[in-house]
Amino acid sequence: MVGMEPPSISMIENGEIGFSDKSLAKYAEALECTPAQLLAHDPSKPDSFWPLFEAAEMLEGADRRRAYSVIHAALGMVGSG
């Protein structure tokens, strides 16, 4: 549905390769969710950072990427504590 082979999608899921805003939008559409939901740390657990992902989704371009980077870094710090 997104024009990628399963091994490539797996590499994105595992953080081995990056993705573009355009491809993220395609994945979200195929999975019937929002891009922010795809970027959430762990969808099976409630997460206090969720409102930040939703706010970041309203941004565009470099601002959106920076916001996601900050949120992901913060989640990594929480997970390592």
C-alpha atoms as a PDB file:
ATOM      1  CA  MET A   1       0.000   0.000   0.000  1.00  0.00           C
ATOM      2  CA  VAL A   2       2.920   2.375   0.581  1.00  0.00           C
ATOM      3  CA  GLY A   3       5.152   1.190  -2.250  1.00  0.00           C
ATOM      4  CA  MET A   4       7.874  -0.353  -0.076  1.00  0.00           C
ATOM      5  CA  GLU A   5       9.009  -3.904   0.479  1.00  0.00           C
ATOM      6  CA  PRO A   6       8.536  -5.419   3.972  1.00  0.00           C
ATOM      7  CA  PRO A   7      12.303  -5.514   4.715  1.00  0.00           C
ATOM      8  CA  SER A   8      12.534  -1.755   4.112  1.00  0.00           C
ATOM      9  CA  ILE A   9       9.550  -1.093   6.370  1.00  0.00           C
ATOM     10  CA  SER A  10      11.160  -3.247   9.059  1.00  0.00           C
ATOM     11  CA  MET A  11      14.359  -1.202   8.789  1.00  0.00           C
ATOM     12  CA  ILE A  12      12.350   1.981   9.390  1.00  0.00           C
ATOM     13  CA  GLU A  13      10.554   0.398  12.352  1.00  0.00           C
ATOM     14  CA  ASN A  14      13.884  -0.597  13.879  1.00  0.00           C
ATOM     15  CA  GLY A  15      15.475   2.813  13.328  1.00  0.00           C
ATOM     16  CA  GLU A  16      18.025   1.495  10.831  1.00  0.00           C
ATOM     17  CA  ILE A  17      16.943   3.945   8.110  1.00  0.00           C
ATOM     18  CA  GLY A  18      15.035   7.212   8.201  1.00  0.00           C
ATOM     19  CA  PHE A  19      11.786   8.297   6.616  1.00  0.00           C
ATOM     20  CA  SER A  20      10.320  11.442   5.101  1.00  0.00           C
ATOM     21  CA  ASP A  21       7.207  13.343   6.128  1.00  0.00           C
ATOM     22  CA  LYS A  22       5.633  12.196   2.858  1.00  0.00           C
ATOM     23  CA  SER A  23       6.321   8.511   3.510  1.00  0.00           C
ATOM     24  CA  LEU A  24       5.133   8.846   7.119  1.00  0.00           C
ATOM     25  CA  ALA A  25       1.844  10.259   5.828  1.00  0.00           C
ATOM     26  CA  LYS A  26       1.487   7.283   3.451  1.00  0.00           C
ATOM     27  CA  TYR A  27       2.070   4.786   6.276  1.00  0.00           C
ATOM     28  CA  ALA A  28      -0.443   6.538   8.505  1.00  0.00           C
ATOM     29  CA  GLU A  29      -3.049   6.543   5.761  1.00  0.00           C
ATOM     30  CA  ALA A  30      -2.502   2.840   5.047  1.00  0.00           C
ATOM     31  CA  LEU A  31      -2.815   2.008   8.752  1.00  0.00           C
ATOM     32  CA  GLU A  32      -5.763   4.373   9.274  1.00  0.00           C
ATOM     33  CA  CYS A  33      -4.059   6.413  11.980  1.00  0.00           C
ATOM     34  CA  THR A  34      -2.232   9.718  12.322  1.00  0.00           C
ATOM     35  CA  PRO A  35       1.496  10.232  11.757  1.00  0.00           C
ATOM     36  CA  ALA A  36       1.815  11.152  15.446  1.00  0.00           C
ATOM     37  CA  GLN A  37       0.392   7.769  16.442  1.00  0.00           C
ATOM     38  CA  LEU A  38       3.069   6.042  14.376  1.00  0.00           C
ATOM     39  CA  LEU A  39       5.782   8.006  16.155  1.00  0.00           C
ATOM     40  CA  ALA A  40       4.515   7.376  19.677  1.00  0.00           C
ATOM     41  CA  HIS A  41       7.029   5.690  21.963  1.00  0.00           C
ATOM     42  CA  ASP A  42       4.962   2.640  22.894  1.00  0.00           C
ATOM     43  CA  PRO A  43       1.318   2.610  21.799  1.00  0.00           C
ATOM     44  CA  SER A  44       0.522  -0.186  24.280  1.00  0.00           C
ATOM     45  CA  LYS A  45       1.340   2.043  27.293  1.00  0.00           C
ATOM     46  CA  PRO A  46      -0.125   5.402  28.319  1.00  0.00           C
ATOM     47  CA  ASP A  47       2.436   8.094  27.781  1.00  0.00           C
ATOM     48  CA  SER A  48       2.594  11.623  29.159  1.00  0.00           C
ATOM     49  CA  PHE A  49       4.360  12.768  25.972  1.00  0.00           C
ATOM     50  CA  TRP A  50       1.344  12.029  23.744  1.00  0.00           C
ATOM     51  CA  PRO A  51       0.046  15.654  23.714  1.00  0.00           C
ATOM     52  CA  LEU A  52       3.483  16.762  22.516  1.00  0.00           C
ATOM     53  CA  PHE A  53       3.277  14.450  19.500  1.00  0.00           C
ATOM     54  CA  GLU A  54      -0.154  15.837  18.677  1.00  0.00           C
ATOM     55  CA  ALA A  55       1.146  19.410  18.954  1.00  0.00           C
ATOM     56  CA  ALA A  56       4.185  18.583  16.804  1.00  0.00           C
ATOM     57  CA  GLU A  57       1.893  17.226  14.110  1.00  0.00           C
ATOM     58  CA  MET A  58       0.509  20.754  13.617  1.00  0.00           C
ATOM     59  CA  LEU A  59       3.980  22.009  12.669  1.00  0.00           C
ATOM     60  CA  GLU A  60       5.495  21.764   9.217  1.00  0.00           C
ATOM     61  CA  GLY A  61       8.840  20.855   7.678  1.00  0.00           C
ATOM     62  CA  ALA A  62      11.964  21.422   9.738  1.00  0.00           C
ATOM     63  CA  ASP A  63       9.974  22.624  12.765  1.00  0.00           C
ATOM     64  CA  ARG A  64       8.036  19.338  12.849  1.00  0.00           C
ATOM     65  CA  ARG A  65      11.211  17.257  12.500  1.00  0.00           C
ATOM     66  CA  ARG A  66      12.912  19.217  15.298  1.00  0.00           C
ATOM     67  CA  ALA A  67       9.912  18.772  17.583  1.00  0.00           C
ATOM     68  CA  TYR A  68       9.838  15.001  16.930  1.00  0.00           C
ATOM     69  CA  SER A  69      13.586  14.787  17.581  1.00  0.00           C
ATOM     70  CA  VAL A  70      13.228  16.557  20.922  1.00  0.00           C
ATOM     71  CA  ILE A  71      10.312  14.341  21.958  1.00  0.00           C
ATOM     72  CA  HIS A  72      12.145  11.166  20.963  1.00  0.00           C
ATOM     73  CA  ALA A  73      15.247  12.289  22.869  1.00  0.00           C
ATOM     74  CA  ALA A  74      13.143  12.980  25.951  1.00  0.00           C
ATOM     75  CA  LEU A  75      11.486   9.569  25.677  1.00  0.00           C
ATOM     76  CA  GLY A  76      14.917   7.951  25.475  1.00  0.00           C
ATOM     77  CA  MET A  77      15.965   9.740  28.655  1.00  0.00           C
ATOM     78  CA  VAL A  78      12.812   8.569  30.437  1.00  0.00           C
ATOM     79  CA  GLY A  79      13.329   4.981  29.278  1.00  0.00           C
ATOM     80  CA  SER A  80      16.930   4.900  30.481  1.00  0.00           C
ATOM     81  CA  GLY A  81      16.150   6.192  33.977  1.00  0.00           C
END
